[in-house]
PDB file of N, CA and C in Angstrom:
ATOM      1  N   VAL A   1      -5.478-112.692-144.372  1.00  0.00           N
ATOM      2  CA  VAL A   1      -6.167-113.572-145.100  1.00  0.00           C
ATOM      3  C   VAL A   1      -6.408-114.527-144.227  1.00  0.00           C
ATOM      4  N   GLY A   2      -5.561-115.315-143.498  1.00  0.00           N
ATOM      5  CA  GLY A   2      -5.817-116.483-142.819  1.00  0.00           C
ATOM      6  C   GLY A   2      -5.047-116.401-141.416  1.00  0.00           C
ATOM      7  N   LYS A   3      -5.274-117.664-140.988  1.00  0.00           N
ATOM      8  CA  LYS A   3      -4.263-117.338-139.628  1.00  0.00           C
ATOM      9  C   LYS A   3      -2.695-118.010-139.299  1.00  0.00           C
ATOM     10  N   ASN A   4      -1.728-117.705-138.984  1.00  0.00           N
ATOM     11  CA  ASN A   4      -0.595-118.517-138.864  1.00  0.00           C
ATOM     12  C   ASN A   4      -0.853-119.574-138.670  1.00  0.00           C
ATOM     13  N   VAL A   5       0.200-120.177-138.995  1.00  0.00           N
ATOM     14  CA  VAL A   5       0.496-121.798-138.500  1.00  0.00           C
ATOM     15  C   VAL A   5       1.923-121.939-138.500  1.00  0.00           C
ATOM     16  N   PRO A   6       2.551-122.708-137.632  1.00  0.00           N
ATOM     17  CA  PRO A   6       3.740-123.071-137.480  1.00  0.00           C
ATOM     18  C   PRO A   6       4.121-123.985-139.163  1.00  0.00           C
ATOM     19  N   VAL A   7       5.485-123.513-139.207  1.00  0.00           N
ATOM     20  CA  VAL A   7       5.848-124.113-140.556  1.00  0.00           C
ATOM     21  C   VAL A   7       7.657-124.528-140.297  1.00  0.00           C
ATOM     22  N   PRO A   8       7.864-125.781-140.414  1.00  0.00           N
ATOM     23  CA  PRO A   8       8.785-126.239-140.004  1.00  0.00           C
ATOM     24  C   PRO A   8      10.397-125.583-140.648  1.00  0.00           C
ATOM     25  N   MET A   9      11.715-124.827-140.078  1.00  0.00           N
ATOM     26  CA  MET A   9      12.652-124.312-140.839  1.00  0.00           C
ATOM     27  C   MET A   9      13.637-125.514-140.751  1.00  0.00           C
ATOM     28  N   ALA A  10      14.254-125.138-141.792  1.00  0.00           N
ATOM     29  CA  ALA A  10      15.689-125.841-141.846  1.00  0.00           C
ATOM     30  C   ALA A  10      16.338-125.764-140.722  1.00  0.00           C
ATOM     31  N   ASP A  11      16.780-124.885-139.883  1.00  0.00           N
ATOM     32  CA  ASP A  11      17.673-125.079-138.863  1.00  0.00           C
ATOM     33  C   ASP A  11      16.496-126.008-137.245  1.00  0.00           C
ATOM     34  N   GLY A  12      15.442-126.589-137.529  1.00  0.00           N
ATOM     35  CA  GLY A  12      14.841-127.131-136.873  1.00  0.00           C
ATOM     36  C   GLY A  12      13.522-126.491-136.229  1.00  0.00           C
ATOM     37  N   GLY A  13      13.690-124.939-136.381  1.00  0.00           N
ATOM     38  CA  GLY A  13      12.669-124.307-135.581  1.00  0.00           C
ATOM     39  C   GLY A  13      11.590-124.477-136.422  1.00  0.00           C
ATOM     40  N   THR A  14      10.616-123.201-135.972  1.00  0.00           N
ATOM     41  CA  THR A  14       9.290-123.294-136.808  1.00  0.00           C
ATOM     42  C   THR A  14       9.143-121.408-136.917  1.00  0.00           C
ATOM     43  N   SER A  15       8.664-121.040-137.589  1.00  0.00           N
ATOM     44  CA  SER A  15       8.375-120.033-138.309  1.00  0.00           C
ATOM     45  C   SER A  15       6.600-119.913-138.226  1.00  0.00           C
ATOM     46  N   GLN A  16       5.851-118.772-137.889  1.00  0.00           N
ATOM     47  CA  GLN A  16       4.477-118.650-137.808  1.00  0.00           C
ATOM     48  C   GLN A  16       4.416-118.124-139.208  1.00  0.00           C
ATOM     49  N   GLU A  17       3.474-118.305-140.315  1.00  0.00           N
ATOM     50  CA  GLU A  17       3.248-118.248-141.457  1.00  0.00           C
ATOM     51  C   GLU A  17       1.597-118.284-141.416  1.00  0.00           C
ATOM     52  N   ASP A  18       1.548-117.218-142.537  1.00  0.00           N
ATOM     53  CA  ASP A  18      -0.219-117.500-143.025  1.00  0.00           C
ATOM     54  C   ASP A  18      -0.154-118.047-144.549  1.00  0.00           C
ATOM     55  N   LEU A  19      -0.423-118.965-144.380  1.00  0.00           N
ATOM     56  CA  LEU A  19      -0.498-119.850-145.617  1.00  0.00           C
ATOM     57  C   LEU A  19      -1.451-119.286-146.737  1.00  0.00           C
ATOM     58  N   GLY A  20      -2.482-119.112-145.942  1.00  0.00           N
ATOM     59  CA  GLY A  20      -3.558-118.497-146.581  1.00  0.00           C
ATOM     60  C   GLY A  20      -3.219-117.502-147.851  1.00  0.00           C
ATOM     61  N   LYS A  21      -2.302-116.222-147.308  1.00  0.00           N
ATOM     62  CA  LYS A  21      -1.895-115.205-147.980  1.00  0.00           C
ATOM     63  C   LYS A  21      -1.012-115.861-148.942  1.00  0.00           C
ATOM     64  N   PHE A  22       0.096-116.629-148.881  1.00  0.00           N
ATOM     65  CA  PHE A  22       1.046-117.231-149.484  1.00  0.00           C
ATOM     66  C   PHE A  22       0.303-118.048-150.616  1.00  0.00           C
ATOM     67  N   TRP A  23      -0.931-118.551-150.586  1.00  0.00           N
ATOM     68  CA  TRP A  23      -1.590-119.359-151.427  1.00  0.00           C
ATOM     69  C   TRP A  23      -2.008-118.149-152.514  1.00  0.00           C
ATOM     70  N   SER A  24      -2.500-117.334-151.907  1.00  0.00           N
ATOM     71  CA  SER A  24      -3.132-116.249-152.690  1.00  0.00           C
ATOM     72  C   SER A  24      -1.786-115.642-153.598  1.00  0.00           C
ATOM     73  N   CYS A  25      -0.906-115.612-153.346  1.00  0.00           N
ATOM     74  CA  CYS A  25       0.063-115.101-153.830  1.00  0.00           C
ATOM     75  C   CYS A  25       0.381-115.857-155.216  1.00  0.00           C
ATOM     76  N   ILE A  26       0.740-117.467-154.868  1.00  0.00           N
ATOM     77  CA  ILE A  26       0.957-118.508-155.740  1.00  0.00           C
ATOM     78  C   ILE A  26      -0.122-118.917-156.581  1.00  0.00           C
ATOM     79  N   ARG A  27      -1.423-118.767-156.275  1.00  0.00           N
ATOM     80  CA  ARG A  27      -2.846-119.219-156.784  1.00  0.00           C
ATOM     81  C   ARG A  27      -2.541-118.885-158.034  1.00  0.00           C
ATOM     82  N   PRO A  28      -2.397-117.907-158.670  1.00  0.00           N
ATOM     83  CA  PRO A  28      -2.695-117.486-160.425  1.00  0.00           C
ATOM     84  C   PRO A  28      -1.847-118.276-161.371  1.00  0.00           C
ATOM     85  N   HIS A  29      -0.932-118.828-160.821  1.00  0.00           N
ATOM     86  CA  HIS A  29      -0.236-119.988-161.507  1.00  0.00           C
ATOM     87  C   HIS A  29      -1.029-121.238-161.842  1.00  0.00           C
ATOM     88  N   PHE A  30      -1.821-121.464-161.022  1.00  0.00           N
ATOM     89  CA  PHE A  30      -3.047-122.917-161.641  1.00  0.00           C
ATOM     90  C   PHE A  30      -4.347-122.219-162.312  1.00  0.00           C
ATOM     91  N   GLY A  31      -4.222-120.836-162.796  1.00  0.00           N
ATOM     92  CA  GLY A  31      -5.191-120.585-163.590  1.00  0.00           C
ATOM     93  C   GLY A  31      -5.331-120.364-165.160  1.00  0.00           C
ATOM     94  N   PRO A  32      -5.859-120.148-165.613  1.00  0.00           N
ATOM     95  CA  PRO A  32      -5.725-119.962-167.181  1.00  0.00           C
ATOM     96  C   PRO A  32      -4.729-118.903-167.698  1.00  0.00           C
ATOM     97  N   GLU A  33      -4.305-118.091-166.835  1.00  0.00           N
ATOM     98  CA  GLU A  33      -3.154-117.246-167.314  1.00  0.00           C
ATOM     99  C   GLU A  33      -2.069-116.858-166.477  1.00  0.00           C
ATOM    100  N   PRO A  34      -1.485-117.918-166.162  1.00  0.00           N
ATOM    101  CA  PRO A  34      -0.070-118.003-165.056  1.00  0.00           C
ATOM    102  C   PRO A  34       1.058-116.671-165.340  1.00  0.00           C
ATOM    103  N   SER A  35       0.956-116.212-166.479  1.00  0.00           N
ATOM    104  CA  SER A  35       1.582-114.991-166.791  1.00  0.00           C
ATOM    105  C   SER A  35       1.370-113.956-166.163  1.00  0.00           C
ATOM    106  N   ARG A  36       0.183-113.790-165.461  1.00  0.00           N
ATOM    107  CA  ARG A  36      -0.737-112.682-164.650  1.00  0.00           C
ATOM    108  C   ARG A  36       0.179-113.091-163.168  1.00  0.00           C
ATOM    109  N   ALA A  37       0.560-113.873-162.757  1.00  0.00           N
ATOM    110  CA  ALA A  37       1.237-114.102-161.304  1.00  0.00           C
ATOM    111  C   ALA A  37       1.999-113.038-161.535  1.00  0.00           C
ATOM    112  N   THR A  38       2.483-112.312-160.107  1.00  0.00           N
ATOM    113  CA  THR A  38       3.118-111.435-159.730  1.00  0.00           C
ATOM    114  C   THR A  38       4.693-112.331-158.954  1.00  0.00           C
ATOM    115  N   THR A  39       4.479-113.593-158.703  1.00  0.00           N
ATOM    116  CA  THR A  39       5.725-114.474-157.926  1.00  0.00           C
ATOM    117  C   THR A  39       5.876-115.471-158.831  1.00  0.00           C
ATOM    118  N   THR A  40       6.981-115.743-158.357  1.00  0.00           N
ATOM    119  CA  THR A  40       7.764-117.248-159.758  1.00  0.00           C
ATOM    120  C   THR A  40       7.323-118.315-158.803  1.00  0.00           C
ATOM    121  N   LEU A  41       7.065-119.487-159.430  1.00  0.00           N
ATOM    122  CA  LEU A  41       6.863-120.884-159.138  1.00  0.00           C
ATOM    123  C   LEU A  41       7.356-121.814-160.058  1.00  0.00           C
ATOM    124  N   SER A  42       8.489-122.827-159.586  1.00  0.00           N
ATOM    125  CA  SER A  42       9.061-123.463-160.349  1.00  0.00           C
ATOM    126  C   SER A  42       7.976-124.530-161.162  1.00  0.00           C
ATOM    127  N   ASP A  43       8.491-124.735-162.475  1.00  0.00           N
ATOM    128  CA  ASP A  43       7.550-126.055-162.788  1.00  0.00           C
ATOM    129  C   ASP A  43       7.532-127.581-161.839  1.00  0.00           C
ATOM    130  N   GLY A  44       8.288-127.570-160.911  1.00  0.00           N
ATOM    131  CA  GLY A  44       8.843-128.697-160.446  1.00  0.00           C
ATOM    132  C   GLY A  44       7.669-128.535-159.081  1.00  0.00           C
ATOM    133  N   ASP A  45       7.927-127.148-158.565  1.00  0.00           N
ATOM    134  CA  ASP A  45       6.850-126.875-157.259  1.00  0.00           C
ATOM    135  C   ASP A  45       5.478-127.308-157.876  1.00  0.00           C
ATOM    136  N   LYS A  46       4.812-126.563-159.041  1.00  0.00           N
ATOM    137  CA  LYS A  46       3.661-126.426-159.641  1.00  0.00           C
ATOM    138  C   LYS A  46       3.120-128.053-159.931  1.00  0.00           C
ATOM    139  N   LYS A  47       4.135-128.795-160.289  1.00  0.00           N
ATOM    140  CA  LYS A  47       3.683-130.239-160.099  1.00  0.00           C
ATOM    141  C   LYS A  47       3.374-130.790-159.396  1.00  0.00           C
ATOM    142  N   ALA A  48       4.411-130.492-158.014  1.00  0.00           N
ATOM    143  CA  ALA A  48       4.205-131.542-156.490  1.00  0.00           C
ATOM    144  C   ALA A  48       2.609-130.561-156.111  1.00  0.00           C
ATOM    145  N   LEU A  49       2.775-129.522-156.175  1.00  0.00           N
ATOM    146  CA  LEU A  49       1.451-128.905-155.571  1.00  0.00           C
ATOM    147  C   LEU A  49       0.165-129.700-156.418  1.00  0.00           C
ATOM    148  N   LEU A  50       0.149-129.745-157.996  1.00  0.00           N
ATOM    149  CA  LEU A  50      -1.374-130.155-158.460  1.00  0.00           C
ATOM    150  C   LEU A  50      -1.236-131.874-158.046  1.00  0.00           C
ATOM    151  N   GLN A  51      -0.538-132.193-157.037  1.00  0.00           N
ATOM    152  CA  GLN A  51      -0.716-133.919-156.929  1.00  0.00           C
ATOM    153  C   GLN A  51      -1.686-133.862-155.351  1.00  0.00           C
ATOM    154  N   ILE A  52      -2.083-132.598-155.091  1.00  0.00           N
ATOM    155  CA  ILE A  52      -2.861-132.506-153.583  1.00  0.00           C
ATOM    156  C   ILE A  52      -4.285-132.657-154.429  1.00  0.00           C
ATOM    157  N   ALA A  53      -4.703-132.935-153.814  1.00  0.00           N
ATOM    158  CA  ALA A  53      -6.613-132.835-154.058  1.00  0.00           C
ATOM    159  C   ALA A  53      -7.489-131.604-154.194  1.00  0.00           C
ATOM    160  N   TRP A  54      -7.097-130.471-153.281  1.00  0.00           N
ATOM    161  CA  TRP A  54      -7.673-128.972-153.203  1.00  0.00           C
ATOM    162  C   TRP A  54      -6.997-128.082-153.993  1.00  0.00           C
ATOM    163  N   VAL A  55      -5.787-128.670-154.398  1.00  0.00           N
ATOM    164  CA  VAL A  55      -5.058-128.143-155.703  1.00  0.00           C
ATOM    165  C   VAL A  55      -5.714-128.124-156.356  1.00  0.00           C
ATOM    166  N   GLN A  56      -5.588-129.163-157.147  1.00  0.00           N
ATOM    167  CA  GLN A  56      -6.447-129.805-158.238  1.00  0.00           C
ATOM    168  C   GLN A  56      -7.905-129.034-158.475  1.00  0.00           C
ATOM    169  N   GLU A  57      -8.748-129.277-157.267  1.00  0.00           N
ATOM    170  CA  GLU A  57      -9.846-128.606-157.277  1.00  0.00           C
ATOM    171  C   GLU A  57      -9.928-127.175-157.703  1.00  0.00           C
ATOM    172  N   GLU A  58      -9.108-126.570-156.815  1.00  0.00           N
ATOM    173  CA  GLU A  58      -9.183-124.939-156.991  1.00  0.00           C
ATOM    174  C   GLU A  58      -8.783-125.032-158.671  1.00  0.00           C
ATOM    175  N   ALA A  59      -7.676-125.430-159.230  1.00  0.00           N
ATOM    176  CA  ALA A  59      -7.029-125.609-160.812  1.00  0.00           C
ATOM    177  C   ALA A  59      -8.178-125.716-161.749  1.00  0.00           C
ATOM    178  N   ALA A  60      -9.397-126.882-161.339  1.00  0.00           N
ATOM    179  CA  ALA A  60     -10.092-126.854-162.273  1.00  0.00           C
ATOM    180  C   ALA A  60     -11.044-126.138-162.189  1.00  0.00           C
ATOM    181  N   GLU A  61     -11.702-125.404-160.661  1.00  0.00           N
ATOM    182  CA  GLU A  61     -12.488-124.129-160.688  1.00  0.00           C
ATOM    183  C   GLU A  61     -12.024-122.960-161.473  1.00  0.00           C
ATOM    184  N   LEU A  62     -10.649-122.726-161.260  1.00  0.00           N
ATOM    185  CA  LEU A  62     -10.192-121.677-162.384  1.00  0.00           C
ATOM    186  C   LEU A  62     -10.479-121.484-163.199  1.00  0.00           C
ATOM    187  N   ALA A  63     -10.724-123.033-164.209  1.00  0.00           N
ATOM    188  CA  ALA A  63     -10.186-123.519-165.568  1.00  0.00           C
ATOM    189  C   ALA A  63     -11.938-122.868-165.996  1.00  0.00           C
ATOM    190  N   ALA A  64     -12.647-123.566-164.677  1.00  0.00           N
ATOM    191  CA  ALA A  64     -13.910-123.590-165.274  1.00  0.00           C
ATOM    192  C   ALA A  64     -14.810-121.835-165.341  1.00  0.00           C
ATOM    193  N   LYS A  65     -14.144-121.359-164.343  1.00  0.00           N
ATOM    194  CA  LYS A  65     -14.508-119.739-164.342  1.00  0.00           C
ATOM    195  C   LYS A  65     -14.025-119.157-165.455  1.00  0.00           C
ATOM    196  N   ALA A  66     -12.916-119.243-165.902  1.00  0.00           N
ATOM    197  CA  ALA A  66     -12.316-119.014-167.501  1.00  0.00           C
ATOM    198  C   ALA A  66     -13.249-119.386-168.470  1.00  0.00           C
ATOM    199  N   ALA A  67     -13.590-120.171-168.551  1.00  0.00           N
ATOM    200  CA  ALA A  67     -14.311-120.953-169.730  1.00  0.00           C
ATOM    201  C   ALA A  67     -15.939-120.509-169.836  1.00  0.00           C
ATOM    202  N   ALA A  68     -16.361-120.271-168.609  1.00  0.00           N
ATOM    203  CA  ALA A  68     -17.451-119.617-168.430  1.00  0.00           C
ATOM    204  C   ALA A  68     -17.747-117.900-168.807  1.00  0.00           C
ATOM    205  N   MET A  69     -16.468-117.663-168.448  1.00  0.00           N
ATOM    206  CA  MET A  69     -16.442-116.057-168.937  1.00  0.00           C
ATOM    207  C   MET A  69     -17.024-115.624-170.710  1.00  0.00           C
ATOM    208  N   THR A  70     -17.796-114.646-170.894  1.00  0.00           N
ATOM    209  CA  THR A  70     -18.308-114.598-172.027  1.00  0.00           C
ATOM    210  C   THR A  70     -17.737-113.253-172.614  1.00  0.00           C
ATOM    211  N   GLU A  71     -17.343-112.583-171.702  1.00  0.00           N
ATOM    212  CA  GLU A  71     -17.099-111.432-172.133  1.00  0.00           C
ATOM    213  C   GLU A  71     -15.489-111.007-172.675  1.00  0.00           C
ATOM    214  N   VAL A  72     -15.430-110.801-173.592  1.00  0.00           N
ATOM    215  CA  VAL A  72     -14.382-110.831-174.222  1.00  0.00           C
ATOM    216  C   VAL A  72     -13.525-109.650-174.134  1.00  0.00           C
ATOM    217  N   ARG A  73     -11.892-109.434-173.647  1.00  0.00           N
ATOM    218  CA  ARG A  73     -11.510-108.450-173.288  1.00  0.00           C
ATOM    219  C   ARG A  73     -10.473-107.665-174.307  1.00  0.00           C
ATOM    220  N   ALA A  74     -10.286-106.693-174.343  1.00  0.00           N
ATOM    221  CA  ALA A  74      -9.607-106.182-175.095  1.00  0.00           C
ATOM    222  C   ALA A  74      -8.034-106.127-174.571  1.00  0.00           C
ATOM    223  N   SER A  75      -7.041-106.025-175.775  1.00  0.00           N
ATOM    224  CA  SER A  75      -5.603-106.182-175.039  1.00  0.00           C
ATOM    225  C   SER A  75      -4.848-104.867-174.754  1.00  0.00           C
ATOM    226  N   LYS A  76      -4.124-105.168-173.786  1.00  0.00           N
ATOM    227  CA  LYS A  76      -3.395-103.744-172.949  1.00  0.00           C
ATOM    228  C   LYS A  76      -3.277-102.787-174.269  1.00  0.00           C
ATOM    229  N   GLU A  77      -2.735-103.050-174.990  1.00  0.00           N
ATOM    230  CA  GLU A  77      -2.402-102.098-176.145  1.00  0.00           C
ATOM    231  C   GLU A  77      -3.570-101.388-176.650  1.00  0.00           C
ATOM    232  N   ALA A  78      -4.522-101.912-177.034  1.00  0.00           N
ATOM    233  CA  ALA A  78      -5.781-101.429-177.493  1.00  0.00           C
ATOM    234  C   ALA A  78      -6.401-100.525-176.483  1.00  0.00           C
ATOM    235  N   LYS A  79      -6.510-100.874-175.327  1.00  0.00           N
ATOM    236  CA  LYS A  79      -6.811-100.159-174.065  1.00  0.00           C
ATOM    237  C   LYS A  79      -6.237 -98.554-174.168  1.00  0.00           C
ATOM    238  N   LEU A  80      -4.987 -99.080-174.691  1.00  0.00           N
ATOM    239  CA  LEU A  80      -3.980 -97.879-174.032  1.00  0.00           C
ATOM    240  C   LEU A  80      -4.254 -97.034-175.089  1.00  0.00           C
ATOM    241  N   ALA A  81      -4.172 -97.448-176.499  1.00  0.00           N
ATOM    242  CA  ALA A  81      -4.611 -96.766-177.534  1.00  0.00           C
ATOM    243  C   ALA A  81      -5.841 -95.945-177.714  1.00  0.00           C
ATOM    244  N   GLU A  82      -6.887 -96.326-176.871  1.00  0.00           N
ATOM    245  CA  GLU A  82      -8.437 -95.798-176.634  1.00  0.00           C
ATOM    246  C   GLU A  82      -8.105 -95.031-175.656  1.00  0.00           C
ATOM    247  N   LEU A  83      -7.359 -95.216-174.924  1.00  0.00           N
ATOM    248  CA  LEU A  83      -7.389 -94.229-173.583  1.00  0.00           C
ATOM    249  C   LEU A  83      -6.820 -92.656-174.010  1.00  0.00           C
ATOM    250  N   ALA A  84      -5.779 -93.247-174.974  1.00  0.00           N
ATOM    251  CA  ALA A  84      -4.959 -92.029-175.449  1.00  0.00           C
ATOM    252  C   ALA A  84      -6.038 -90.950-176.398  1.00  0.00           C
ATOM    253  N   GLN A  85      -7.016 -91.313-176.778  1.00  0.00           N
ATOM    254  CA  GLN A  85      -7.914 -90.836-177.948  1.00  0.00           C
ATOM    255  C   GLN A  85      -8.953 -90.166-176.882  1.00  0.00           C
ATOM    256  N   LEU A  86      -9.182 -90.800-175.431  1.00  0.00           N
ATOM    257  CA  LEU A  86     -10.378 -89.845-174.958  1.00  0.00           C
ATOM    258  C   LEU A  86     -10.374 -88.355-174.381  1.00  0.00           C
ATOM    259  N   LYS A  87     -10.988 -87.750-174.550  1.00  0.00           N
ATOM    260  CA  LYS A  87     -11.204 -86.017-174.348  1.00  0.00           C
ATOM    261  C   LYS A  87     -11.171 -85.836-172.728  1.00  0.00           C
ATOM    262  N   ALA A  88     -11.399 -86.627-171.887  1.00  0.00           N
ATOM    263  CA  ALA A  88     -11.978 -86.398-170.594  1.00  0.00           C
ATOM    264  C   ALA A  88     -11.335 -87.659-170.029  1.00  0.00           C
ATOM    265  N   LYS A  89     -10.900 -87.727-168.468  1.00  0.00           N
ATOM    266  CA  LYS A  89     -10.573 -88.518-167.645  1.00  0.00           C
ATOM    267  C   LYS A  89     -11.395 -89.750-167.766  1.00  0.00           C
ATOM    268  N   PRO A  90     -11.078 -90.912-167.854  1.00  0.00           N
ATOM    269  CA  PRO A  90     -12.343 -92.022-167.915  1.00  0.00           C
ATOM    270  C   PRO A  90     -12.998 -92.243-166.145  1.00  0.00           C
ATOM    271  N   THR A  91     -14.192 -92.951-166.021  1.00  0.00           N
ATOM    272  CA  THR A  91     -14.938 -92.808-165.011  1.00  0.00           C
ATOM    273  C   THR A  91     -14.796 -94.603-164.867  1.00  0.00           C
ATOM    274  N   VAL A  92     -14.571 -94.723-163.298  1.00  0.00           N
ATOM    275  CA  VAL A  92     -14.633 -96.039-163.255  1.00  0.00           C
ATOM    276  C   VAL A  92     -16.030 -96.649-162.988  1.00  0.00           C
ATOM    277  N   GLY A  93     -15.906 -97.847-163.659  1.00  0.00           N
ATOM    278  CA  GLY A  93     -17.468 -98.543-163.830  1.00  0.00           C
ATOM    279  C   GLY A  93     -18.262 -98.175-164.850  1.00  0.00           C
ATOM    280  N   LYS A  94     -17.596 -97.113-165.542  1.00  0.00           N
ATOM    281  CA  LYS A  94     -18.321 -96.713-166.800  1.00  0.00           C
ATOM    282  C   LYS A  94     -17.158 -97.625-168.033  1.00  0.00           C
ATOM    283  N   LYS A  95     -18.229 -98.436-169.162  1.00  0.00           N
ATOM    284  CA  LYS A  95     -17.653 -99.305-169.738  1.00  0.00           C
ATOM    285  C   LYS A  95     -17.550 -98.287-171.166  1.00  0.00           C
ATOM    286  N   VAL A  96     -16.304 -98.534-171.957  1.00  0.00           N
ATOM    287  CA  VAL A  96     -16.522 -97.649-173.445  1.00  0.00           C
ATOM    288  C   VAL A  96     -16.056 -98.413-174.036  1.00  0.00           C
ATOM    289  N   PRO A  97     -16.783 -98.680-175.685  1.00  0.00           N
ATOM    290  CA  PRO A  97     -16.242 -99.425-176.197  1.00  0.00           C
ATOM    291  C   PRO A  97     -14.934 -99.578-176.724  1.00  0.00           C
ATOM    292  N   VAL A  98     -13.861-100.288-177.037  1.00  0.00           N
ATOM    293  CA  VAL A  98     -12.457-100.673-177.475  1.00  0.00           C
ATOM    294  C   VAL A  98     -12.413-101.689-178.336  1.00  0.00           C
ATOM    295  N   PRO A  99     -12.302-101.074-179.851  1.00  0.00           N
ATOM    296  CA  PRO A  99     -12.005-101.760-180.983  1.00  0.00           C
ATOM    297  C   PRO A  99     -10.987-102.902-180.589  1.00  0.00           C
ATOM    298  N   MET A 100     -11.334-104.189-181.156  1.00  0.00           N
ATOM    299  CA  MET A 100     -10.252-105.337-181.319  1.00  0.00           C
ATOM    300  C   MET A 100      -9.708-106.030-182.200  1.00  0.00           C
ATOM    301  N   ALA A 101      -8.679-106.731-182.332  1.00  0.00           N
ATOM    302  CA  ALA A 101      -7.885-107.307-183.646  1.00  0.00           C
ATOM    303  C   ALA A 101      -9.059-108.496-183.609  1.00  0.00           C
ATOM    304  N   ASP A 102      -9.266-109.285-184.695  1.00  0.00           N
ATOM    305  CA  ASP A 102      -9.626-110.769-184.593  1.00  0.00           C
ATOM    306  C   ASP A 102      -8.458-111.572-184.635  1.00  0.00           C
TER     307      ASP A 102
END
């Protein structure tokens, strides 16, 4: 995802780390659905990162994209129920109507 940069370690040495890949892993915590993140990030760590200008910009961009999304999505449960009723295997790229609760 990015290039490795030296990161100081507790023992005084350095480790070469791809911080772009690390950011990609924690980025969902700053979006409109932090529950979709597959990593953990403490509230303190999140607050500290939100003090950084580019993180604030990224969080605002994620929020704006979410607000601009006009397509309403069905819940996982609704999709599973509809999938169980299909007579044939679904095709990738072909959307089918799924009833949603209001």
